[in-house]
Amino acid sequence: ENASNKSGRNTETSEYGKAWGSYIRSGEYTNPMEIRAISEVSGGTVLPPLEFHNAITTKLKTMTAIRQIAKVISIGSYAREFAVESTTGSAAWAAEAASFTESGSTFAKVTLTPAKLTGLLKVSNELVEDAPARGAGFSIESILTEQFARMFAQAEETAFCATSSVTSGPQNPLLSSGAGISTGKTTSSNSAFTAAEVIDWVYSLARQYRTNASILVHDATLGKLRQLGSLAGTVNYFWQNSGALGEPDRLMGIPVYASAAMPVVATTAKIGVIGDFGNYSVLAERGSYSMRVLKELFSATGQTGYLATSRCDFSITLKDAFSVLACAV
């Protein structure tokens, strides 16, 4: 077999799909030949078919804000290093026959090391057996896709938007001190903010990063922003409804995304971030999702367990491309 098969890139064949279908229904009681087919193609691990992987990834993107705005890459090793410009250089005017002024950039590195994220779902054996008979579009595959996407989405966003590193998770979340993002504006109130303060925050981000910028806030903060947009004299330039399905609303022309994992007004100082996520934030994935069917382990309760695993990390690659909105607490 070639290397692509061993790395799990041949999991989209019909033979693999049939073997996988038997495995998720029978677990360790699956025909040994089908178990062998799955193990050989996926390099010894149990990888879902490519269709299943893509379905979870697609749902994850609709359930999380970070995956919609960050650069998502796949890495083939346990870690990936990025060179980042920590200090920018500048040019200087020089007099005739005078020495040059030295002002060069300095560089640092950001290392992405995917952490392991797991989810355990238990389903009654009756549901596993009867799912195909419950109508078109309803199957154990659709149940697993929906539930694992929801589990992973909540865990990822909670870790990526945290104000401190999550245990065993990503060590450089968006709002932690490790990210090094500066506060662009602090509101005068711990429970509210004004349109003028929000405008100051937007313009605290350097011009070159505002061109492709996005805004990320909690749903409650989003509600307050929309209320500001309805004030007399601000509606025409402050807030714009998208008017198109799937397109984000805009604040001063900048797309606004909401995440339930972002801090809420009056509970913490940092309540929003604006920045060029597409160019200067990276979500790295290590390989495909893997899954184990645990039928015997939960036989006493008449259930089948499904253990899914993914590995990912998230980091900011240029802190100057982001700015935080904080409230006085």
Protein backbone atom coordinates (compact mmCIF):
# COMPACT_ATOMS: atom_id res chain seq x y z
CA GLU A 1 0.00 0.00 0.00
CA ASN A 2 1.15 3.52 -0.63
CA ALA A 3 1.79 6.20 2.00
CA SER A 4 -1.51 7.96 1.37
CA ASN A 5 -3.44 4.86 2.39
CA LYS A 6 -1.38 4.47 5.56
CA SER A 7 -2.04 8.08 6.55
CA GLY A 8 -5.78 7.65 6.17
CA ARG A 9 -6.25 9.51 2.87
CA ASN A 10 -8.03 6.55 1.26
CA THR A 11 -10.91 6.50 3.72
CA GLU A 12 -13.37 7.77 1.10
CA THR A 13 -13.70 4.45 -0.76
CA SER A 14 -17.05 2.65 -0.73
CA GLU A 15 -15.41 -0.44 0.79
CA TYR A 16 -14.09 1.60 3.69
CA GLY A 17 -17.49 3.25 4.16
CA LYS A 18 -19.25 -0.11 4.40
CA ALA A 19 -16.71 -1.42 6.91
CA TRP A 20 -17.04 1.76 8.95
CA GLY A 21 -20.85 1.46 8.93
CA SER A 22 -20.57 -2.03 10.39
CA TYR A 23 -18.03 -0.88 12.99
CA ILE A 24 -20.10 1.97 14.44
CA ARG A 25 -23.04 -0.39 14.88
CA SER A 26 -21.22 -3.46 16.16
CA GLY A 27 -18.00 -2.17 17.69
CA GLU A 28 -15.64 -4.94 18.72
CA TYR A 29 -18.14 -7.50 17.40
CA THR A 30 -17.60 -6.34 13.82
CA ASN A 31 -16.44 -8.90 11.28
CA PRO A 32 -12.64 -9.24 11.75
CA MET A 33 -12.06 -8.73 8.03
CA GLU A 34 -13.83 -5.36 8.17
CA ILE A 35 -11.91 -4.37 11.30
CA ARG A 36 -8.69 -5.26 9.53
CA ALA A 37 -9.71 -3.24 6.47
CA ILE A 38 -10.31 -0.17 8.63
CA SER A 39 -7.07 -0.55 10.57
CA GLU A 40 -4.90 -1.13 7.51
CA VAL A 41 -6.21 1.82 5.55
CA SER A 42 -6.05 4.22 8.49
CA GLY A 43 -2.57 3.22 9.62
CA GLY A 44 -3.66 1.39 12.78
CA THR A 45 -6.02 4.04 14.15
CA VAL A 46 -9.76 4.12 13.55
CA LEU A 47 -10.54 7.05 11.28
CA PRO A 48 -14.06 7.88 10.11
CA PRO A 49 -14.63 8.11 6.35
CA LEU A 50 -13.60 11.40 4.77
CA GLU A 51 -17.29 12.26 4.33
CA PHE A 52 -17.82 12.02 8.11
CA HIS A 53 -14.73 14.13 8.80
CA ASN A 54 -15.89 16.81 6.38
CA ALA A 55 -19.40 16.82 7.85
CA ILE A 56 -18.07 17.50 11.36
CA THR A 57 -15.70 20.19 10.08
CA THR A 58 -18.52 21.91 8.19
CA LYS A 59 -20.79 21.91 11.24
CA LEU A 60 -17.95 23.12 13.46
CA LYS A 61 -17.50 26.14 11.23
CA THR A 62 -21.17 27.10 11.58
CA MET A 63 -21.07 26.64 15.37
CA THR A 64 -17.88 28.57 16.16
CA ALA A 65 -16.82 32.11 15.39
CA ILE A 66 -13.07 31.45 15.51
CA ARG A 67 -13.23 28.84 12.73
CA GLN A 68 -15.09 31.31 10.52
CA ILE A 69 -12.53 34.10 10.80
CA ALA A 70 -9.15 32.47 11.59
CA LYS A 71 -6.77 30.82 9.16
CA VAL A 72 -7.28 27.04 9.52
CA ILE A 73 -4.39 24.81 8.49
CA SER A 74 -3.57 21.12 8.71
CA ILE A 75 -0.14 20.15 9.98
CA GLY A 76 1.55 16.79 9.52
CA SER A 77 3.75 16.88 12.62
CA TYR A 78 3.30 17.28 16.34
CA ALA A 79 4.24 20.99 16.20
CA ARG A 80 4.60 23.87 13.76
CA GLU A 81 6.70 26.99 14.27
CA PHE A 82 5.85 30.39 12.80
CA ALA A 83 8.31 33.29 12.58
CA VAL A 84 6.57 36.48 13.67
CA GLU A 85 7.65 40.10 13.51
CA SER A 86 7.67 41.29 17.12
CA THR A 87 9.08 44.77 16.36
CA THR A 88 8.65 46.55 13.04
CA GLY A 89 11.49 48.44 11.39
CA SER A 90 11.34 52.00 10.09
CA ALA A 91 13.13 54.14 7.53
CA ALA A 92 14.94 57.39 8.34
CA TRP A 93 16.12 60.38 6.32
CA ALA A 94 19.88 60.64 5.99
CA ALA A 95 22.07 63.66 5.38
CA GLU A 96 24.59 63.62 2.55
CA ALA A 97 27.66 61.51 3.37
CA ALA A 98 26.19 60.70 6.78
CA SER A 99 25.95 57.26 8.33
CA PHE A 100 22.79 55.23 8.02
CA THR A 101 20.34 54.92 10.89
CA GLU A 102 19.83 51.31 11.86
CA SER A 103 16.21 50.37 12.56
CA GLY A 104 15.48 46.80 11.65
CA SER A 105 12.70 44.43 12.55
CA THR A 106 13.08 41.87 15.30
CA PHE A 107 11.53 38.45 15.06
CA ALA A 108 10.23 35.85 17.46
CA LYS A 109 8.51 32.52 16.98
CA VAL A 110 5.11 31.10 17.80
CA THR A 111 4.87 27.34 18.20
CA LEU A 112 1.58 25.55 17.62
CA THR A 113 1.41 22.20 19.39
CA PRO A 114 -1.99 20.55 18.89
CA ALA A 115 -3.60 19.45 22.15
CA LYS A 116 -5.88 16.42 22.36
CA LEU A 117 -9.61 17.07 22.62
CA THR A 118 -11.91 14.14 23.35
CA GLY A 119 -15.64 13.64 23.53
CA LEU A 120 -17.57 10.61 24.82
CA LEU A 121 -21.12 10.04 23.66
CA LYS A 122 -23.34 7.19 24.90
CA VAL A 123 -26.28 6.03 22.78
CA SER A 124 -28.85 3.37 23.65
CA ASN A 125 -28.46 0.14 21.69
CA GLU A 126 -32.10 0.44 20.63
CA LEU A 127 -31.44 3.78 18.99
CA VAL A 128 -28.37 2.41 17.21
CA GLU A 129 -30.41 -0.50 15.84
CA ASP A 130 -33.59 1.43 14.97
CA ALA A 131 -32.07 4.66 13.61
CA PRO A 132 -32.29 3.68 9.91
CA ALA A 133 -36.00 2.87 10.29
CA ARG A 134 -36.89 6.28 11.72
CA GLY A 135 -36.94 8.03 8.38
CA ALA A 136 -34.74 9.58 5.73
CA GLY A 137 -31.90 11.72 7.03
CA PHE A 138 -31.92 10.11 10.46
CA SER A 139 -29.08 7.70 11.18
CA ILE A 140 -26.47 6.95 13.80
CA GLU A 141 -23.99 8.76 11.54
CA SER A 142 -26.07 11.95 11.63
CA ILE A 143 -26.42 11.70 15.42
CA LEU A 144 -22.66 11.32 15.88
CA THR A 145 -21.89 14.16 13.46
CA GLU A 146 -24.23 16.59 15.19
CA GLN A 147 -23.28 15.70 18.76
CA PHE A 148 -19.51 15.59 18.30
CA ALA A 149 -19.54 18.82 16.30
CA ARG A 150 -21.42 20.50 19.16
CA MET A 151 -19.07 19.06 21.82
CA PHE A 152 -15.92 20.07 19.96
CA ALA A 153 -17.30 23.50 19.05
CA GLN A 154 -18.07 24.38 22.66
CA ALA A 155 -14.72 23.10 23.95
CA GLU A 156 -12.68 24.80 21.22
CA GLU A 157 -14.32 28.19 21.52
CA THR A 158 -14.13 28.11 25.33
CA ALA A 159 -10.39 27.46 25.13
CA PHE A 160 -9.60 29.88 22.30
CA CYS A 161 -11.51 32.82 23.85
CA ALA A 162 -10.36 32.22 27.43
CA THR A 163 -8.64 34.89 29.51
CA SER A 164 -6.13 32.30 30.77
CA SER A 165 -4.73 29.05 29.41
CA VAL A 166 -6.99 26.01 29.70
CA THR A 167 -5.56 22.99 31.50
CA SER A 168 -4.09 20.54 28.95
CA GLY A 169 -5.43 22.77 26.18
CA PRO A 170 -4.11 25.62 24.00
CA GLN A 171 -1.57 27.70 25.90
CA ASN A 172 -2.05 30.99 24.05
CA PRO A 173 -5.76 31.81 24.07
CA LEU A 174 -6.98 34.99 22.48
CA LEU A 175 -7.46 37.20 25.55
CA SER A 176 -4.76 35.84 27.83
CA SER A 177 -1.69 37.81 28.82
CA GLY A 178 0.31 35.35 26.73
CA ALA A 179 -1.29 36.65 23.54
CA GLY A 180 0.20 40.07 24.26
CA ILE A 181 -2.67 42.02 22.68
CA SER A 182 -2.87 45.63 23.82
CA THR A 183 -6.01 47.33 25.11
CA GLY A 184 -7.14 49.89 22.57
CA LYS A 185 -9.91 51.45 24.64
CA THR A 186 -11.25 51.15 28.19
CA THR A 187 -14.85 52.19 28.78
CA SER A 188 -15.76 54.55 31.59
CA SER A 189 -18.48 52.21 32.92
CA ASN A 190 -18.31 48.57 33.96
CA SER A 191 -21.80 47.80 32.66
CA ALA A 192 -22.16 49.94 29.54
CA PHE A 193 -20.25 51.77 26.84
CA THR A 194 -20.87 54.60 24.43
CA ALA A 195 -20.73 54.81 20.67
CA ALA A 196 -17.80 57.23 20.98
CA GLU A 197 -15.83 54.68 23.04
CA VAL A 198 -16.48 51.92 20.51
CA ILE A 199 -15.39 54.18 17.66
CA ASP A 200 -12.16 55.00 19.53
CA TRP A 201 -11.58 51.26 19.97
CA VAL A 202 -12.02 50.55 16.26
CA TYR A 203 -9.56 53.29 15.31
CA SER A 204 -7.04 52.13 17.91
CA LEU A 205 -6.25 49.33 15.44
CA ALA A 206 -3.63 50.38 12.92
CA ARG A 207 -4.96 51.21 9.47
CA GLN A 208 -3.15 48.36 7.70
CA TYR A 209 -4.98 45.81 9.86
CA ARG A 210 -8.45 47.38 9.64
CA THR A 211 -8.78 46.53 5.95
CA ASN A 212 -9.39 42.82 6.67
CA ALA A 213 -10.44 43.12 10.30
CA SER A 214 -13.26 41.35 12.13
CA ILE A 215 -14.82 42.06 15.53
CA LEU A 216 -15.45 39.29 18.08
CA VAL A 217 -17.70 39.82 21.11
CA HIS A 218 -20.15 37.98 23.39
CA ASP A 219 -23.81 37.84 22.34
CA ALA A 220 -24.73 40.17 25.21
CA THR A 221 -22.13 42.70 24.06
CA LEU A 222 -23.42 42.34 20.52
CA GLY A 223 -26.88 43.29 21.78
CA LYS A 224 -25.51 46.47 23.36
CA LEU A 225 -23.69 47.34 20.14
CA ARG A 226 -26.90 47.01 18.16
CA GLN A 227 -28.70 49.24 20.63
CA LEU A 228 -26.05 51.90 20.10
CA GLY A 229 -26.60 51.56 16.37
CA SER A 230 -30.28 52.45 16.78
CA LEU A 231 -29.55 55.79 18.44
CA ALA A 232 -30.50 58.91 16.55
CA GLY A 233 -27.64 60.12 14.41
CA THR A 234 -25.66 56.85 14.51
CA VAL A 235 -27.76 54.41 12.53
CA ASN A 236 -26.35 55.38 9.12
CA TYR A 237 -22.68 54.98 9.92
CA PHE A 238 -22.46 52.87 13.05
CA TRP A 239 -24.36 49.63 12.46
CA GLN A 240 -25.32 47.90 9.21
CA ASN A 241 -27.47 44.77 9.04
CA SER A 242 -26.08 42.27 6.54
CA GLY A 243 -29.38 41.62 4.79
CA ALA A 244 -27.99 38.34 3.44
CA LEU A 245 -28.24 34.88 4.93
CA GLY A 246 -24.91 33.71 6.32
CA GLU A 247 -23.28 37.13 6.08
CA PRO A 248 -22.29 38.91 9.32
CA ASP A 249 -23.66 42.26 10.36
CA ARG A 250 -21.17 45.11 10.27
CA LEU A 251 -20.02 47.77 12.68
CA MET A 252 -18.57 50.78 10.85
CA GLY A 253 -18.17 48.46 7.86
CA ILE A 254 -16.32 45.77 9.86
CA PRO A 255 -17.87 42.25 10.14
CA VAL A 256 -19.06 41.41 13.66
CA TYR A 257 -19.08 37.85 15.03
CA ALA A 258 -20.56 36.66 18.31
CA SER A 259 -19.32 33.87 20.55
CA ALA A 260 -20.90 32.65 23.78
CA ALA A 261 -17.36 31.93 25.00
CA MET A 262 -16.31 35.59 24.96
CA PRO A 263 -16.37 37.46 28.29
CA VAL A 264 -19.52 39.32 29.28
CA VAL A 265 -19.73 43.02 30.11
CA ALA A 266 -19.15 43.77 33.83
CA THR A 267 -17.71 40.33 34.59
CA THR A 268 -14.18 40.89 33.30
CA ALA A 269 -12.12 43.71 31.87
CA LYS A 270 -11.70 42.34 28.35
CA ILE A 271 -15.01 42.19 26.49
CA GLY A 272 -14.13 42.39 22.79
CA VAL A 273 -11.33 42.09 20.29
CA ILE A 274 -10.89 43.53 16.80
CA GLY A 275 -8.19 42.36 14.44
CA ASP A 276 -7.05 40.78 11.21
CA PHE A 277 -7.85 37.19 12.16
CA GLY A 278 -7.58 35.86 8.61
CA ASN A 279 -3.90 36.76 8.27
CA TYR A 280 -2.59 36.83 11.84
CA SER A 281 -4.39 34.08 13.76
CA VAL A 282 -3.92 30.38 13.05
CA LEU A 283 -5.92 27.30 14.03
CA ALA A 284 -3.80 24.22 13.40
CA GLU A 285 -5.29 20.74 13.10
CA ARG A 286 -3.25 17.55 13.42
CA GLY A 287 -4.65 14.93 11.10
CA SER A 288 -8.22 13.66 11.01
CA TYR A 289 -10.70 12.85 13.74
CA SER A 290 -10.41 9.39 15.22
CA MET A 291 -13.13 7.36 16.88
CA ARG A 292 -13.50 4.24 18.99
CA VAL A 293 -16.71 2.28 19.50
CA LEU A 294 -17.05 1.01 23.08
CA LYS A 295 -19.88 -1.49 23.01
CA GLU A 296 -18.79 -3.94 25.71
CA LEU A 297 -17.77 -1.24 28.20
CA PHE A 298 -21.35 0.04 28.52
CA SER A 299 -23.20 -3.24 27.93
CA ALA A 300 -24.53 -3.29 31.51
CA THR A 301 -26.64 -0.20 30.76
CA GLY A 302 -27.63 -1.27 27.26
CA GLN A 303 -25.63 1.49 25.60
CA THR A 304 -22.88 1.92 23.05
CA GLY A 305 -20.13 4.41 23.73
CA TYR A 306 -18.47 6.51 21.03
CA LEU A 307 -15.14 8.16 21.87
CA ALA A 308 -14.00 10.77 19.35
CA THR A 309 -10.66 12.58 19.40
CA SER A 310 -9.24 15.56 17.59
CA ARG A 311 -5.99 17.52 18.01
CA CYS A 312 -5.78 21.26 17.45
CA ASP A 313 -4.17 24.47 18.68
CA PHE A 314 -4.81 28.18 18.19
CA SER A 315 -2.55 31.20 18.39
CA ILE A 316 -2.04 34.83 17.41
CA THR A 317 0.95 35.33 15.12
CA LEU A 318 1.14 39.15 15.27
CA LYS A 319 -0.15 40.92 18.37
CA ASP A 320 -0.11 44.36 16.74
CA ALA A 321 -2.84 43.19 14.35
CA PHE A 322 -5.38 43.10 17.22
CA SER A 323 -6.84 45.47 19.77
CA VAL A 324 -8.92 44.77 22.89
CA LEU A 325 -11.98 46.61 24.17
CA ALA A 326 -11.99 46.62 27.97
CA CYS A 327 -14.46 47.85 30.54
CA ALA A 328 -13.71 49.39 33.92
CA VAL A 329 -14.36 46.73 36.58
